[in-house]
Protein backbone atom coordinates (compact mmCIF):
# COMPACT_ATOMS: atom_id res chain seq x y z
CA MET A 1 -185.27 108.07 47.52
CA GLY A 2 -185.14 107.19 51.22
CA LYS A 3 -182.01 106.43 53.19
CA TYR A 4 -182.66 102.66 53.30
CA ASP A 5 -184.44 102.15 49.95
CA ARG A 6 -181.43 100.30 48.55
CA LEU A 7 -182.05 97.55 51.11
CA GLY A 8 -185.62 97.18 49.84
CA THR A 9 -184.38 96.97 46.25
CA TYR A 10 -181.77 94.39 47.23
CA LEU A 11 -184.29 92.24 49.12
CA ARG A 12 -186.80 92.34 46.24
CA GLU A 13 -184.10 91.01 43.90
CA GLN A 14 -183.43 87.98 46.10
CA ASN A 15 -185.08 84.63 45.42
CA LYS A 16 -184.18 83.05 48.75
CA VAL A 17 -186.57 82.25 51.58
CA LEU A 18 -183.79 82.71 54.16
CA LEU A 19 -181.22 85.43 53.59
CA PRO A 20 -178.47 85.69 56.26
CA LEU A 21 -176.68 89.05 56.34
CA THR A 22 -174.20 90.75 58.63
CA PHE A 23 -174.78 94.31 59.76
CA ALA A 24 -171.67 95.28 57.76
CA GLU A 25 -173.22 93.79 54.61
CA ILE A 26 -176.40 95.77 55.23
CA GLU A 27 -174.32 98.94 55.64
CA ARG A 28 -172.61 98.21 52.30
CA ILE A 29 -175.99 97.66 50.63
CA VAL A 30 -177.54 100.89 51.92
CA GLY A 31 -174.32 102.91 51.62
CA VAL A 32 -174.50 104.40 55.12
CA LYS A 33 -173.59 103.36 58.65
CA LEU A 34 -176.46 101.95 60.70
CA PRO A 35 -177.46 104.08 63.70
CA LYS A 36 -176.14 103.26 67.17
CA SER A 37 -179.57 101.85 68.03
CA GLN A 38 -178.74 98.85 65.82
CA GLU A 39 -176.97 97.47 68.89
CA TYR A 40 -180.35 96.81 70.50
CA GLN A 41 -182.50 93.80 69.67
CA ALA A 42 -185.63 95.94 69.61
CA TRP A 43 -184.33 98.01 66.69
CA TRP A 44 -184.54 94.88 64.53
CA SER A 45 -188.11 94.01 65.52
CA ASN A 46 -190.71 93.64 62.80
CA SER A 47 -193.06 96.27 64.18
CA PRO A 48 -194.00 98.60 61.30
CA SER A 49 -193.87 101.61 63.64
CA ASN A 50 -190.39 100.70 64.88
CA ASN A 51 -188.17 102.65 62.46
CA VAL A 52 -187.90 103.63 58.80
CA MET A 53 -185.73 100.66 57.83
CA THR A 54 -188.21 98.17 59.33
CA GLN A 55 -190.89 99.36 56.96
CA VAL A 56 -188.45 98.97 54.05
CA TRP A 57 -187.81 95.25 54.70
CA LEU A 58 -191.49 94.59 55.46
CA ASP A 59 -192.53 96.30 52.21
CA ALA A 60 -189.99 94.12 50.38
CA GLY A 61 -191.73 91.02 51.77
CA TYR A 62 -189.22 90.05 54.48
CA ARG A 63 -189.11 89.74 58.27
CA THR A 64 -186.06 89.60 60.53
CA GLU A 65 -185.19 86.52 62.59
CA GLN A 66 -182.23 85.17 64.53
CA VAL A 67 -180.98 88.67 65.28
CA ASP A 68 -177.58 88.46 66.98
CA THR A 69 -176.53 91.96 67.97
CA GLU A 70 -173.28 90.75 69.56
CA ARG A 71 -172.07 89.07 66.37
CA ARG A 72 -173.83 91.73 64.26
CA ARG A 73 -175.83 89.42 62.04
CA LEU A 74 -179.39 88.39 61.31
CA VAL A 75 -181.55 86.41 58.92
CA PHE A 76 -184.22 87.90 56.68
CA ARG A 77 -187.10 85.48 55.99
CA LYS A 78 -189.30 85.97 52.94
CA ILE A 79 -192.90 86.22 54.08
CA ALA A 80 -194.58 87.17 50.80
CA ALA A 81 -193.96 88.59 47.41
CA PRO A 82 -194.12 92.41 47.74
CA SER A 83 -197.20 92.50 45.53
CA GLU A 84 -199.00 90.12 47.92
CA LEU A 85 -198.48 92.33 50.95
CA GLN A 86 -201.43 94.37 52.14
CA GLU A 87 -201.17 97.78 53.78
CA SER A 88 -202.26 96.84 57.27
CA ARG A 89 -203.11 93.18 57.20
CA PRO A 90 -204.13 92.01 60.70
CA MET A 91 -202.09 89.21 62.23
CA PHE A 92 -205.24 87.24 63.06
CA GLN A 93 -208.50 87.37 61.19
CA HIS A 94 -211.77 86.98 63.08
CA ALA A 95 -213.76 83.96 62.11
CA PRO A 96 -217.27 83.29 63.32
CA LEU A 97 -217.52 80.79 66.16
CA THR A 98 -219.64 78.63 63.89
CA SER A 99 -216.71 77.54 61.73
CA LEU A 100 -216.70 74.11 60.13
CA SER A 101 -215.15 72.53 63.21
CA GLY A 102 -217.39 74.45 65.60
CA ARG A 103 -214.30 75.66 67.48
CA HIS A 104 -212.87 79.11 67.95
CA PRO A 105 -210.20 79.92 65.29
CA ILE A 106 -207.46 80.26 67.94
CA PHE A 107 -208.02 76.64 68.99
CA GLY A 108 -204.89 74.66 68.18
CA ALA A 109 -202.71 77.72 67.54
CA LEU A 110 -199.83 76.22 69.55
CA LYS A 111 -200.26 72.71 68.14
CA GLY A 112 -196.87 71.09 67.62
CA SER A 113 -194.95 73.72 69.58
CA PHE A 114 -194.11 71.29 72.40
CA VAL A 115 -194.23 67.57 73.11
CA ILE A 116 -195.34 65.80 76.27
CA GLN A 117 -193.19 62.73 76.74
CA PRO A 118 -195.03 59.39 76.84
CA GLY A 119 -195.73 58.27 80.40
CA TRP A 120 -195.67 61.80 81.84
CA ASP A 121 -198.53 62.32 84.28
CA LEU A 122 -199.92 65.81 83.71
CA ALA A 123 -202.00 65.56 86.88
CA SER A 124 -199.03 64.83 89.17
CA PRO A 125 -197.67 67.63 91.34
CA ALA A 126 -194.72 69.49 89.84
CA LEU A 127 -192.81 69.40 93.13
CA GLU A 128 -192.30 66.66 95.69
CA ALA A 129 -193.84 67.35 99.13
CA ASP A 130 -190.42 68.11 100.72
CA ASP A 131 -189.50 70.51 97.92
CA LEU A 132 -192.88 72.24 98.21
CA ARG A 133 -192.42 72.65 102.00
CA ALA A 134 -188.92 74.08 101.48
CA LEU A 135 -190.26 76.54 98.92
CA ASP A 136 -193.07 77.56 101.26
CA ASP A 137 -190.58 78.02 104.13
CA GLY A 138 -188.40 80.21 101.90
CA VAL A 139 -191.36 82.38 100.95
CA GLN A 140 -192.38 82.67 104.61
CA ASN A 141 -188.82 83.63 105.64
CA THR A 142 -188.74 86.31 102.92
CA ALA A 143 -192.12 87.64 104.07
CA ASP A 144 -190.87 87.74 107.68
CA LEU A 145 -187.74 89.69 106.65
CA ILE A 146 -189.84 92.16 104.69
CA GLU A 147 -192.26 92.58 107.59
CA ARG A 148 -189.38 93.20 110.04
CA GLY A 149 -187.85 95.70 107.65
CA LEU A 150 -191.09 97.64 107.46
CA ARG A 151 -191.38 97.87 111.25
CA ASP A 152 -187.77 98.95 111.92
């Protein structure tokens, strides 16, 4: 039995899509203190090669979200029943360019992720002419300072 297997058992027993837990609760579940690296956001990433515990929660059918290392809490989100998980399922599957729509499968991947307000002119410049000149002057001043610094 691995060090974090109790977490996998616990997660498999849950019937919730979202499961908020504190780091202290996780430590109680596994029966050991989490390593010092738990203070870093990257330790809680869902990369299977990240650490042993990551593989445990992925194998149990969960992913981490809303990781707050300062408050020492996170949310596990159910992604699949453990029996539905595949060993190394790719994130994106290749589909032939001749799909039913005739479009590449990545087309529309960001659909609904942002909204353009009605009346907004996408073709208008992002900056007013005066603001653009001021930005250009600032860049030129920085370039001049760098150039002088290289010569001195």
